[in-house]
Amino acid sequence: MDQSDKDWWRRGIFYQIYPRSFQDSDADGVGDIKGIIDRLPYLQDLGVDAIWLSPIFPSPMADFGYDISDYIGVDPLFGTMQDFDALISAAHASGLKLILDLVPNHTSDQHPWFIASRSSRDDPKRDWYIWQPGADGDPPNNWLSEFGGSAWEYDAATRQYYYHAFLAQQPDLNWRNPEVRQAMHDVMRFWLRKGVDGFRVDVIWHLIKDAAFRDNPPNPNYHEGRPPHEQILTRYSTDQPEVHDVIAEMRRVIDEFDDRVLIGEVYLPLHRLVAYYGNDLTGAQMPFNFALLSTLWSARSIEMIVADYEKALPPGAWPNWVLGNHDRPRVASRVGPAQARVAAMLLLTLRGTPTLYYGDEIGMHQVAIAPDQVRDPFEKNVPGIGVGRDGCRTPMQWNATSHAGFSTSAPWLPLSDDFARENVVSLDADARSILSLYKALIDLRKRLPQLMSGDYLPIASEGDLLLYRRQSEAGAVVIALNLGAEPVSIASEAIGLVGEILLSTSLDRQDEKIRSVLDLRGNEGVIIGV
């Protein structure tokens, strides 16, 4: 990819790496930066354009790096700053962009800023965090932590409560304080000067809280078995109007440097998500669209999600799609192995930038973690609701050797029991494997302008069938996806399907001519040149 292309993120394919689980180079059972460098040829061969790393900064690891104690360092677990510099150089030399995970909403309670803040009510950094008096011996309001219980932690020494949307070890910064904003802008500049190509900003919709700290209203749709924090709606603790001013300031920092990108993590309904593009597109270039992670896996549900998203996008805004990440169950487990192939075709043929999660390209599934092996603080704090994150963070399955080629030592999380069969080496040797499918899809996307940047035009369909056209000046293709297990037949001429199959999810119908009828097997998708 051209390293001086300001729109590279529109045409590129992103690949998320969870560093702890990608490749271990020093036999401690935890992945690291040198391991990522060793695997850059694999990413080149796969065909992705940008890698996004989950946090690598110094951290006590209460939440595996999302509790940062130093924003401008590298945790020794992952290597050194010299290793990181080598990674930037090697990635760029390989034609790959590098995105860092920025976590500006909260720090570790071991960060020097918070240590100073909690030392005294008079400390200059007291207002860098959110401190409030209690209410008649109770927390300041009813806001809940996503890790269970009140989001307020009492500090006996200064007799006030501090706010933490997540763990008590993750106090929230006060983004209403201009000194906090300036400090974080300086952090961004530090890494941008090193050559990173942008940031994925963690929980960006959390950054500003209600100035009056009003109680959140109850959630009328809450039901037992869901995480306890969902009992209330986060009306006043997230998604405040002033957050868009904060994001616009961050974007201006990004724009001080050439060809960089600002991506926001935003778990909100589509009509609220699109506000994060900002007025006149001065916010995040890509607020992550997670709709495919939670929608019902059916043709009509997906058709509606895509239509709603396309309609809601501001003029000129560029869409994006995600099938998996480090917080949600693996797509192969959500939709099943057969539909995981259809999901891959969907992701790589919709209009907008796709983001792959490491291991999804080899069909890695959600691993059941025994209670005594659970590492996720969320599951430890909120047990028994079946939403632990360890199962989607297990080590990458490279080969059939001991520990799947991830490490020469026992890894930090257990491997899937199918790694001897479902791994990069064995799947790469299988011309019809899911890995071969991902490579073929990525290659076709790069070769066809209509897939990379063409318009999205839905085609009316019924039942388990999802149909749409991608069209540009270069021509058109039609994507036909069967989201059911039963075969379907389509009278092709009526909907303009006369042409030839460019790719099937089964990788066995290339160049097949379509005339009067298109037959799709169960769980099959095809791309047709028309």
Protein backbone atom coordinates (compact mmCIF):
# COMPACT_ATOMS: atom_id res chain seq x y z
CA MET A 1 0.00 0.00 0.00
CA ASP A 2 1.19 3.53 -0.82
CA GLN A 3 2.62 4.92 2.42
CA SER A 4 1.62 8.49 1.46
CA ASP A 5 -2.04 7.99 0.64
CA LYS A 6 -4.39 10.05 2.79
CA ASP A 7 -7.35 7.80 1.96
CA TRP A 8 -5.54 4.53 2.59
CA TRP A 9 -7.88 3.71 5.48
CA ARG A 10 -10.88 3.80 3.15
CA ARG A 11 -9.45 1.17 0.83
CA GLY A 12 -7.48 -0.83 3.36
CA ILE A 13 -8.33 -3.96 5.31
CA PHE A 14 -7.58 -3.78 9.05
CA TYR A 15 -6.43 -6.71 11.19
CA GLN A 16 -6.68 -6.61 14.98
CA ILE A 17 -3.90 -8.28 16.94
CA TYR A 18 -4.32 -9.09 20.62
CA PRO A 19 -0.57 -9.00 21.41
CA ARG A 20 -0.70 -11.40 24.36
CA SER A 21 -2.05 -14.09 22.07
CA PHE A 22 -0.45 -13.63 18.66
CA GLN A 23 3.14 -14.90 18.89
CA ASP A 24 5.51 -15.43 21.83
CA SER A 25 9.19 -14.95 21.01
CA ASP A 26 10.77 -15.35 24.46
CA ALA A 27 9.12 -18.51 25.81
CA ASP A 28 7.21 -16.86 28.67
CA GLY A 29 3.82 -17.97 27.33
CA VAL A 30 2.74 -14.43 26.44
CA GLY A 31 2.85 -12.90 22.97
CA ASP A 32 5.12 -9.92 22.36
CA ILE A 33 6.33 -7.34 19.85
CA LYS A 34 9.18 -9.43 18.44
CA GLY A 35 6.65 -12.19 17.85
CA ILE A 36 4.51 -9.80 15.82
CA ILE A 37 7.55 -8.81 13.75
CA ASP A 38 8.22 -12.51 13.07
CA ARG A 39 4.66 -12.92 11.74
CA LEU A 40 4.56 -9.89 9.43
CA PRO A 41 5.18 -12.12 6.38
CA TYR A 42 1.99 -14.02 7.23
CA LEU A 43 0.02 -10.76 7.34
CA GLN A 44 1.53 -9.69 4.02
CA ASP A 45 0.56 -13.02 2.49
CA LEU A 46 -2.96 -12.74 3.90
CA GLY A 47 -3.27 -9.40 2.15
CA VAL A 48 -4.31 -7.06 4.96
CA ASP A 49 -3.17 -3.43 4.91
CA ALA A 50 -3.11 -2.27 8.53
CA ILE A 51 -2.58 -3.90 11.90
CA TRP A 52 -4.18 -2.59 15.08
CA LEU A 53 -2.54 -3.62 18.33
CA SER A 54 -4.46 -3.89 21.59
CA PRO A 55 -2.57 -1.97 24.35
CA ILE A 56 1.16 -2.56 24.77
CA PHE A 57 1.81 0.21 27.32
CA PRO A 58 3.14 -0.35 30.86
CA SER A 59 0.32 -1.66 33.02
CA PRO A 60 -0.32 -3.62 36.23
CA MET A 61 -2.52 -5.78 33.93
CA ALA A 62 -5.62 -5.67 36.11
CA ASP A 63 -7.50 -5.53 32.78
CA PHE A 64 -4.68 -6.81 30.56
CA GLY A 65 -3.35 -3.47 29.43
CA TYR A 66 -6.52 -1.40 29.44
CA ASP A 67 -5.31 -0.05 32.80
CA ILE A 68 -2.33 2.05 31.73
CA SER A 69 0.34 3.29 34.15
CA ASP A 70 2.49 5.04 31.52
CA TYR A 71 1.13 6.27 28.18
CA ILE A 72 4.54 6.75 26.55
CA GLY A 73 6.24 3.46 27.33
CA VAL A 74 6.17 -0.21 26.41
CA ASP A 75 5.41 -2.86 29.00
CA PRO A 76 8.41 -5.17 29.52
CA LEU A 77 6.05 -8.11 29.03
CA PHE A 78 5.83 -7.12 25.36
CA GLY A 79 9.39 -5.88 24.87
CA THR A 80 11.18 -2.55 24.72
CA MET A 81 10.74 0.76 22.95
CA GLN A 82 13.51 -0.38 20.62
CA ASP A 83 11.40 -3.41 19.77
CA PHE A 84 8.46 -1.14 19.05
CA ASP A 85 10.55 1.11 16.82
CA ALA A 86 11.70 -2.00 14.97
CA LEU A 87 8.06 -3.06 14.54
CA ILE A 88 7.07 0.28 13.01
CA SER A 89 10.01 0.09 10.60
CA ALA A 90 9.34 -3.53 9.66
CA ALA A 91 5.60 -2.97 9.24
CA HIS A 92 6.10 0.04 7.00
CA ALA A 93 8.76 -1.77 5.00
CA SER A 94 6.18 -4.54 4.49
CA GLY A 95 3.59 -2.06 3.25
CA LEU A 96 1.57 -2.31 6.45
CA LYS A 97 0.17 0.55 8.52
CA LEU A 98 0.30 0.34 12.33
CA ILE A 99 -2.53 1.50 14.60
CA LEU A 100 -2.22 1.77 18.38
CA ASP A 101 -4.99 1.28 20.92
CA LEU A 102 -5.34 4.56 22.86
CA VAL A 103 -7.15 4.30 26.22
CA PRO A 104 -7.88 7.90 27.24
CA ASN A 105 -11.02 7.40 29.33
CA HIS A 106 -9.23 5.98 32.35
CA THR A 107 -5.78 5.14 33.67
CA SER A 108 -4.47 2.57 36.09
CA ASP A 109 -4.73 3.52 39.74
CA GLN A 110 -0.95 3.07 39.66
CA HIS A 111 -0.47 5.88 37.13
CA PRO A 112 1.51 8.80 38.63
CA TRP A 113 -1.34 11.13 37.72
CA PHE A 114 -3.78 9.21 39.92
CA ILE A 115 -1.31 8.65 42.72
CA ALA A 116 -0.94 12.43 42.89
CA SER A 117 -4.69 13.00 42.50
CA ARG A 118 -5.65 10.80 45.44
CA SER A 119 -2.82 12.09 47.67
CA SER A 120 -4.72 15.22 48.71
CA ARG A 121 -7.80 17.25 47.84
CA ASP A 122 -5.39 20.14 47.28
CA ASP A 123 -3.07 18.36 44.88
CA PRO A 124 -2.79 20.08 41.46
CA LYS A 125 -3.91 16.85 39.79
CA ARG A 126 -6.94 16.32 42.03
CA ASP A 127 -9.24 17.57 39.27
CA TRP A 128 -7.61 15.33 36.65
CA TYR A 129 -9.99 12.60 37.86
CA ILE A 130 -13.65 12.58 38.83
CA TRP A 131 -14.05 13.06 42.57
CA GLN A 132 -17.35 13.62 44.33
CA PRO A 133 -18.63 13.66 47.93
CA GLY A 134 -20.99 10.93 48.99
CA ALA A 135 -24.71 11.39 49.53
CA ASP A 136 -25.65 10.62 53.15
CA GLY A 137 -23.02 7.93 53.39
CA ASP A 138 -23.87 6.46 49.99
CA PRO A 139 -22.09 6.87 46.62
CA PRO A 140 -22.77 10.14 44.78
CA ASN A 141 -25.32 8.54 42.42
CA ASN A 142 -26.54 5.20 41.05
CA TRP A 143 -24.02 4.79 38.24
CA LEU A 144 -22.81 1.20 37.90
CA SER A 145 -19.46 -0.27 36.90
CA GLU A 146 -19.44 -2.57 33.89
CA PHE A 147 -17.44 -4.97 36.08
CA GLY A 148 -20.14 -5.12 38.75
CA GLY A 149 -21.32 -2.98 41.65
CA SER A 150 -21.21 0.77 42.10
CA ALA A 151 -18.99 2.80 39.77
CA TRP A 152 -17.86 4.85 42.77
CA GLU A 153 -14.96 3.87 45.03
CA TYR A 154 -14.56 5.51 48.42
CA ASP A 155 -11.13 6.86 49.29
CA ALA A 156 -10.88 6.96 53.09
CA ALA A 157 -7.82 9.20 53.15
CA THR A 158 -9.49 12.11 51.34
CA ARG A 159 -13.08 11.17 52.25
CA GLN A 160 -14.43 11.37 48.71
CA TYR A 161 -15.44 8.93 45.98
CA TYR A 162 -13.75 8.55 42.60
CA TYR A 163 -15.56 7.33 39.50
CA HIS A 164 -14.60 4.21 37.56
CA ALA A 165 -16.74 2.99 34.68
CA PHE A 166 -14.82 -0.30 34.75
CA LEU A 167 -12.58 -1.78 37.49
CA ALA A 168 -11.86 0.17 40.66
CA GLN A 169 -8.23 -0.02 39.49
CA GLN A 170 -9.26 2.00 36.41
CA PRO A 171 -10.23 5.49 37.61
CA ASP A 172 -11.83 7.70 34.94
CA LEU A 173 -10.02 10.84 33.85
CA ASN A 174 -11.87 14.15 33.96
CA TRP A 175 -12.03 15.21 30.32
CA ARG A 176 -13.72 18.47 31.29
CA ASN A 177 -10.30 19.56 32.57
CA PRO A 178 -8.29 21.23 29.75
CA GLU A 179 -5.03 20.05 31.33
CA VAL A 180 -6.14 16.43 30.88
CA ARG A 181 -6.96 17.08 27.24
CA GLN A 182 -3.58 18.71 26.64
CA ALA A 183 -1.74 15.84 28.34
CA MET A 184 -3.51 13.28 26.18
CA HIS A 185 -2.90 15.30 23.03
CA ASP A 186 0.80 15.25 23.93
CA VAL A 187 0.61 11.46 24.30
CA MET A 188 -0.91 11.22 20.83
CA ARG A 189 1.81 13.42 19.35
CA PHE A 190 4.52 11.31 20.99
CA TRP A 191 3.39 8.19 19.13
CA LEU A 192 2.49 9.98 15.91
CA ARG A 193 6.02 11.39 15.75
CA LYS A 194 7.30 7.84 16.08
CA GLY A 195 5.39 7.02 12.92
CA VAL A 196 2.23 5.25 14.10
CA ASP A 197 -0.51 5.64 11.52
CA GLY A 198 -3.34 6.43 13.92
CA PHE A 199 -5.29 5.29 16.94
CA ARG A 200 -8.25 3.17 17.79
CA VAL A 201 -9.69 5.06 20.77
CA ASP A 202 -11.11 2.87 23.52
CA VAL A 203 -14.66 3.61 24.78
CA ILE A 204 -14.62 7.02 23.12
CA TRP A 205 -18.30 7.61 23.92
CA HIS A 206 -17.50 7.49 27.65
CA LEU A 207 -15.10 10.44 27.73
CA ILE A 208 -17.52 13.10 29.01
CA LYS A 209 -19.97 12.58 31.88
CA ASP A 210 -22.98 14.63 32.96
CA ALA A 211 -21.72 17.71 34.82
CA ALA A 212 -24.54 17.41 37.38
CA PHE A 213 -23.97 13.66 37.97
CA ARG A 214 -27.68 12.89 37.71
CA ASP A 215 -28.91 9.36 38.43
CA ASN A 216 -29.22 7.11 35.39
CA PRO A 217 -32.76 5.87 34.66
CA PRO A 218 -33.70 2.20 35.01
CA ASN A 219 -33.56 -0.02 31.94
CA PRO A 220 -37.13 -1.21 31.25
CA ASN A 221 -35.82 -4.02 29.03
CA TYR A 222 -33.42 -5.55 31.53
CA HIS A 223 -33.89 -9.23 32.27
CA GLU A 224 -32.22 -11.67 34.64
CA GLY A 225 -29.13 -13.32 33.30
CA ARG A 226 -27.82 -10.15 31.71
CA PRO A 227 -24.81 -8.33 33.27
CA PRO A 228 -25.97 -6.38 36.35
CA HIS A 229 -24.77 -3.00 35.05
CA GLU A 230 -27.41 -3.21 32.31
CA GLN A 231 -30.09 -2.63 34.94
CA ILE A 232 -29.71 1.09 34.29
CA LEU A 233 -29.40 3.07 31.06
CA THR A 234 -26.20 5.10 30.76
CA ARG A 235 -28.02 8.31 29.84
CA TYR A 236 -25.85 10.57 31.97
CA SER A 237 -22.61 8.59 32.24
CA THR A 238 -21.92 8.19 28.48
CA ASP A 239 -22.61 9.80 25.10
CA GLN A 240 -22.90 13.36 26.34
CA PRO A 241 -23.22 16.17 23.75
CA GLU A 242 -19.90 17.74 24.79
CA VAL A 243 -18.00 14.58 23.86
CA HIS A 244 -18.03 15.65 20.22
CA ASP A 245 -15.97 18.76 21.04
CA VAL A 246 -13.41 16.50 22.73
CA ILE A 247 -13.23 14.19 19.70
CA ALA A 248 -12.92 17.14 17.30
CA GLU A 249 -9.89 18.30 19.30
CA MET A 250 -8.35 14.82 19.06
CA ARG A 251 -9.00 14.82 15.32
CA ARG A 252 -7.19 18.15 14.98
CA VAL A 253 -4.15 16.56 16.62
CA ILE A 254 -4.37 13.67 14.13
CA ASP A 255 -4.59 16.17 11.28
CA GLU A 256 -1.31 17.82 12.34
CA PHE A 257 0.30 14.75 10.75
CA ASP A 258 -0.10 13.43 7.23
CA ASP A 259 -2.18 10.40 6.34
CA ARG A 260 -3.24 9.36 9.85
CA VAL A 261 -6.57 7.96 11.06
CA LEU A 262 -8.74 8.27 14.17
CA ILE A 263 -10.99 5.30 14.87
CA GLY A 264 -13.47 5.30 17.75
CA GLU A 265 -14.86 2.40 19.74
CA VAL A 266 -18.56 3.21 20.04
CA TYR A 267 -21.18 0.73 21.24
CA LEU A 268 -24.31 2.73 20.45
CA PRO A 269 -27.35 2.34 18.19
CA LEU A 270 -26.62 3.33 14.60
CA HIS A 271 -28.50 6.63 14.75
CA ARG A 272 -26.29 7.73 17.65
CA LEU A 273 -23.12 6.09 16.36
CA VAL A 274 -23.05 8.23 13.22
CA ALA A 275 -22.84 11.44 15.29
CA TYR A 276 -19.25 10.42 16.06
CA TYR A 277 -18.21 11.32 12.51
CA GLY A 278 -18.61 14.88 13.80
CA ASN A 279 -19.97 18.05 12.24
CA ASP A 280 -18.69 18.25 8.65
CA LEU A 281 -16.81 14.97 9.30
CA THR A 282 -14.45 16.60 11.82
CA GLY A 283 -14.77 13.77 14.34
CA ALA A 284 -13.51 10.20 14.05
CA GLN A 285 -12.90 9.12 10.46
CA MET A 286 -14.26 5.70 11.42
CA PRO A 287 -16.51 5.24 14.46
CA PHE A 288 -16.49 1.45 14.67
CA ASN A 289 -19.75 -0.11 13.53
CA PHE A 290 -20.36 -3.22 15.63
CA ALA A 291 -23.87 -3.97 14.33
CA LEU A 292 -22.90 -7.38 12.94
CA LEU A 293 -21.70 -8.46 16.39
CA SER A 294 -25.16 -8.26 17.91
CA THR A 295 -27.77 -8.48 15.16
CA LEU A 296 -29.77 -11.67 14.63
CA TRP A 297 -27.91 -13.72 12.03
CA SER A 298 -30.60 -13.78 9.38
CA ALA A 299 -30.89 -12.37 5.88
CA ARG A 300 -33.65 -9.91 6.71
CA SER A 301 -32.00 -8.66 9.90
CA ILE A 302 -28.69 -8.04 8.14
CA GLU A 303 -30.45 -6.46 5.16
CA MET A 304 -32.18 -4.03 7.53
CA ILE A 305 -28.99 -3.23 9.48
CA VAL A 306 -27.10 -2.41 6.29
CA ALA A 307 -29.96 -0.29 4.95
CA ASP A 308 -30.33 1.61 8.23
CA TYR A 309 -26.60 2.25 8.44
CA GLU A 310 -26.27 3.42 4.85
CA LYS A 311 -29.24 5.76 5.35
CA ALA A 312 -27.91 7.15 8.63
CA LEU A 313 -24.39 7.93 7.39
CA PRO A 314 -23.69 11.66 7.04
CA PRO A 315 -22.86 12.86 3.51
CA GLY A 316 -19.31 11.82 2.64
CA ALA A 317 -18.88 9.59 5.69
CA TRP A 318 -17.14 6.28 5.03
CA PRO A 319 -18.71 3.10 6.49
CA ASN A 320 -16.94 0.22 8.20
CA TRP A 321 -17.81 -3.28 9.40
CA VAL A 322 -16.54 -5.63 12.10
CA LEU A 323 -17.27 -9.34 12.68
CA GLY A 324 -15.20 -9.97 15.81
CA ASN A 325 -13.00 -8.42 18.47
CA HIS A 326 -11.36 -9.09 21.83
CA ASP A 327 -14.56 -8.42 23.78
CA ARG A 328 -17.12 -10.53 21.93
CA PRO A 329 -17.54 -14.27 21.24
CA ARG A 330 -15.86 -15.58 18.09
CA VAL A 331 -17.92 -15.33 14.91
CA ALA A 332 -17.42 -19.04 14.14
CA SER A 333 -19.15 -19.84 17.43
CA ARG A 334 -21.87 -17.20 17.04
CA VAL A 335 -23.01 -18.31 13.59
CA GLY A 336 -21.44 -21.76 13.20
CA PRO A 337 -18.50 -22.89 11.02
CA ALA A 338 -20.52 -23.10 7.80
CA GLN A 339 -21.98 -19.61 8.15
CA ALA A 340 -18.58 -18.24 9.21
CA ARG A 341 -17.58 -18.59 5.55
CA VAL A 342 -20.69 -16.68 4.45
CA ALA A 343 -19.90 -14.07 7.10
CA ALA A 344 -16.41 -13.66 5.63
CA MET A 345 -17.88 -12.97 2.19
CA LEU A 346 -20.35 -10.50 3.70
CA LEU A 347 -17.61 -8.62 5.59
CA LEU A 348 -15.33 -8.33 2.57
CA THR A 349 -18.00 -7.33 0.05
CA LEU A 350 -20.03 -4.73 1.96
CA ARG A 351 -19.28 -1.09 1.25
CA GLY A 352 -16.75 0.25 3.73
CA THR A 353 -13.57 -0.69 5.54
CA PRO A 354 -13.54 -4.22 7.04
CA THR A 355 -11.69 -5.12 10.23
CA LEU A 356 -10.65 -8.74 10.82
CA TYR A 357 -9.95 -10.14 14.27
CA TYR A 358 -6.87 -12.37 14.49
CA GLY A 359 -7.73 -16.03 14.08
CA ASP A 360 -11.14 -15.50 12.48
CA GLU A 361 -9.47 -16.15 9.14
CA ILE A 362 -8.70 -19.70 10.29
CA GLY A 363 -12.11 -20.21 11.86
CA MET A 364 -10.99 -20.08 15.49
CA HIS A 365 -13.95 -20.64 17.80
CA GLN A 366 -14.83 -19.56 21.29
CA VAL A 367 -12.87 -21.73 23.73
CA ALA A 368 -14.53 -22.93 26.92
CA ILE A 369 -12.31 -21.86 29.82
CA ALA A 370 -12.33 -23.96 32.99
CA PRO A 371 -13.15 -21.95 36.15
CA ASP A 372 -9.63 -22.37 37.53
CA GLN A 373 -8.14 -21.01 34.26
CA VAL A 374 -10.27 -17.86 33.99
CA ARG A 375 -8.13 -14.74 33.63
CA ASP A 376 -10.73 -12.17 32.57
CA PRO A 377 -11.52 -9.73 35.42
CA PHE A 378 -15.01 -9.21 34.00
CA GLU A 379 -15.90 -12.88 34.37
CA LYS A 380 -14.27 -13.01 37.80
CA ASN A 381 -16.33 -10.05 38.97
CA VAL A 382 -19.56 -10.99 37.21
CA PRO A 383 -19.53 -14.81 37.17
CA GLY A 384 -22.13 -17.15 35.81
CA ILE A 385 -23.55 -15.10 32.93
CA GLY A 386 -21.54 -16.75 30.18
CA VAL A 387 -19.99 -13.65 28.67
CA GLY A 388 -16.36 -14.01 29.70
CA ARG A 389 -13.83 -12.67 27.20
CA ASP A 390 -11.05 -15.22 27.65
CA GLY A 391 -12.59 -17.59 25.11
CA CYS A 392 -12.04 -15.17 22.21
CA ARG A 393 -8.49 -14.29 23.32
CA THR A 394 -6.84 -17.70 23.14
CA PRO A 395 -3.48 -18.10 21.37
CA MET A 396 -3.25 -17.98 17.60
CA GLN A 397 -3.07 -21.47 16.11
CA TRP A 398 -0.05 -21.49 13.81
CA ASN A 399 0.75 -25.18 13.42
CA ALA A 400 0.26 -28.64 14.90
CA THR A 401 3.36 -28.60 17.12
CA SER A 402 3.29 -28.24 20.87
CA HIS A 403 1.42 -25.10 21.94
CA ALA A 404 0.31 -24.57 18.32
CA GLY A 405 3.53 -22.81 17.36
CA PHE A 406 2.50 -19.85 19.50
CA SER A 407 5.14 -20.52 22.16
CA THR A 408 7.59 -23.12 23.36
CA SER A 409 6.05 -22.80 26.84
CA ALA A 410 2.55 -23.26 28.21
CA PRO A 411 0.53 -20.24 27.01
CA TRP A 412 -1.21 -17.75 29.28
CA LEU A 413 -4.61 -19.08 28.17
CA PRO A 414 -5.38 -22.65 27.10
CA LEU A 415 -5.44 -23.52 23.43
CA SER A 416 -8.46 -24.75 21.56
CA ASP A 417 -8.62 -28.54 21.47
CA ASP A 418 -8.72 -28.52 17.65
CA PHE A 419 -5.45 -26.65 17.07
CA ALA A 420 -3.66 -29.74 15.68
CA ARG A 421 -6.10 -29.72 12.77
CA GLU A 422 -7.31 -26.10 12.55
CA ASN A 423 -4.11 -24.12 12.17
CA VAL A 424 -2.42 -21.84 9.65
CA VAL A 425 -0.08 -24.46 8.19
CA SER A 426 -2.72 -27.13 7.62
CA LEU A 427 -5.36 -24.70 6.35
CA ASP A 428 -2.91 -22.99 4.05
CA ALA A 429 -2.25 -26.35 2.41
CA ASP A 430 -5.99 -26.89 1.84
CA ALA A 431 -7.14 -25.04 -1.28
CA ARG A 432 -10.74 -24.99 -0.02
CA SER A 433 -10.17 -24.04 3.62
CA ILE A 434 -11.58 -20.94 5.29
CA LEU A 435 -8.09 -19.42 5.24
CA SER A 436 -7.93 -19.95 1.47
CA LEU A 437 -11.36 -18.34 1.24
CA TYR A 438 -10.22 -15.25 3.17
CA LYS A 439 -7.17 -14.91 0.94
CA ALA A 440 -9.31 -15.26 -2.19
CA LEU A 441 -11.83 -12.69 -0.92
CA ILE A 442 -9.11 -10.20 -0.01
CA ASP A 443 -7.42 -10.67 -3.37
CA LEU A 444 -10.68 -10.22 -5.27
CA ARG A 445 -11.57 -7.13 -3.25
CA LYS A 446 -8.22 -5.56 -4.11
CA ARG A 447 -8.59 -6.37 -7.82
CA LEU A 448 -12.15 -5.08 -8.24
CA PRO A 449 -12.75 -1.34 -7.72
CA GLN A 450 -16.47 -2.02 -7.39
CA LEU A 451 -15.81 -4.09 -4.25
CA MET A 452 -13.33 -1.66 -2.79
CA SER A 453 -15.20 1.58 -3.35
CA GLY A 454 -18.34 0.98 -5.41
CA ASP A 455 -21.91 1.81 -4.43
CA TYR A 456 -24.02 -0.60 -2.40
CA LEU A 457 -27.35 -1.39 -4.07
CA PRO A 458 -29.70 -3.82 -2.29
CA ILE A 459 -31.69 -6.31 -4.36
CA ALA A 460 -35.09 -7.40 -3.07
CA SER A 461 -35.02 -10.99 -1.83
CA GLU A 462 -36.84 -13.33 0.53
CA GLY A 463 -36.25 -16.04 3.06
CA ASP A 464 -32.63 -16.87 3.82
CA LEU A 465 -31.33 -15.10 0.73
CA LEU A 466 -29.40 -11.82 0.93
CA LEU A 467 -28.69 -10.10 -2.39
CA TYR A 468 -26.89 -6.88 -3.22
CA ARG A 469 -24.96 -5.27 -6.03
CA ARG A 470 -21.64 -3.40 -5.79
CA GLN A 471 -21.27 -1.03 -8.68
CA SER A 472 -18.71 1.48 -9.91
CA GLU A 473 -17.52 2.90 -13.22
CA ALA A 474 -15.41 -0.25 -13.55
CA GLY A 475 -18.50 -2.45 -13.64
CA ALA A 476 -20.72 -4.38 -11.26
CA VAL A 477 -20.80 -7.54 -9.23
CA VAL A 478 -23.71 -9.18 -7.46
CA ILE A 479 -23.30 -10.89 -4.10
CA ALA A 480 -25.75 -13.68 -3.30
CA LEU A 481 -25.60 -15.12 0.21
CA ASN A 482 -27.61 -18.05 1.52
CA LEU A 483 -27.86 -17.58 5.28
CA GLY A 484 -29.78 -20.83 5.67
CA ALA A 485 -28.86 -24.51 5.57
CA GLU A 486 -31.28 -25.41 2.74
CA PRO A 487 -30.46 -24.95 -0.97
CA VAL A 488 -32.18 -22.12 -2.84
CA SER A 489 -32.69 -21.39 -6.53
CA ILE A 490 -33.08 -17.91 -8.01
CA ALA A 491 -34.46 -17.01 -11.42
CA SER A 492 -31.41 -15.06 -12.43
CA GLU A 493 -32.51 -12.90 -15.37
CA ALA A 494 -35.23 -11.16 -13.35
CA ILE A 495 -32.64 -9.62 -11.02
CA GLY A 496 -29.74 -9.22 -13.39
CA LEU A 497 -27.69 -12.20 -12.30
CA VAL A 498 -26.64 -13.35 -15.74
CA GLY A 499 -22.86 -13.64 -15.72
CA GLU A 500 -20.25 -15.89 -14.20
CA ILE A 501 -19.26 -16.83 -10.69
CA LEU A 502 -16.04 -15.12 -9.65
CA LEU A 503 -15.90 -16.76 -6.23
CA SER A 504 -17.94 -19.18 -4.12
CA THR A 505 -17.53 -19.64 -0.39
CA SER A 506 -16.95 -23.30 -1.25
CA LEU A 507 -14.10 -22.32 -3.62
CA ASP A 508 -15.25 -24.74 -6.29
CA ARG A 509 -17.37 -22.79 -8.80
CA GLN A 510 -15.04 -20.19 -10.27
CA ASP A 511 -15.91 -19.22 -13.88
CA GLU A 512 -19.19 -21.14 -13.76
CA LYS A 513 -21.67 -19.46 -16.14
CA ILE A 514 -25.04 -18.33 -14.76
CA ARG A 515 -27.90 -18.30 -17.25
CA SER A 516 -31.55 -18.74 -16.32
CA VAL A 517 -31.16 -20.01 -12.73
CA LEU A 518 -28.66 -19.51 -9.92
CA ASP A 519 -28.53 -22.49 -7.59
CA LEU A 520 -27.03 -21.93 -4.15
CA ARG A 521 -26.22 -24.73 -1.76
CA GLY A 522 -27.04 -24.37 1.90
CA ASN A 523 -24.63 -22.01 3.68
CA GLU A 524 -23.14 -20.83 0.38
CA GLY A 525 -22.36 -17.38 -0.94
CA VAL A 526 -21.21 -16.37 -4.39
CA ILE A 527 -19.84 -13.26 -6.08
CA ILE A 528 -21.04 -12.94 -9.66
CA GLY A 529 -19.51 -10.79 -12.35
CA VAL A 530 -22.38 -9.30 -14.34
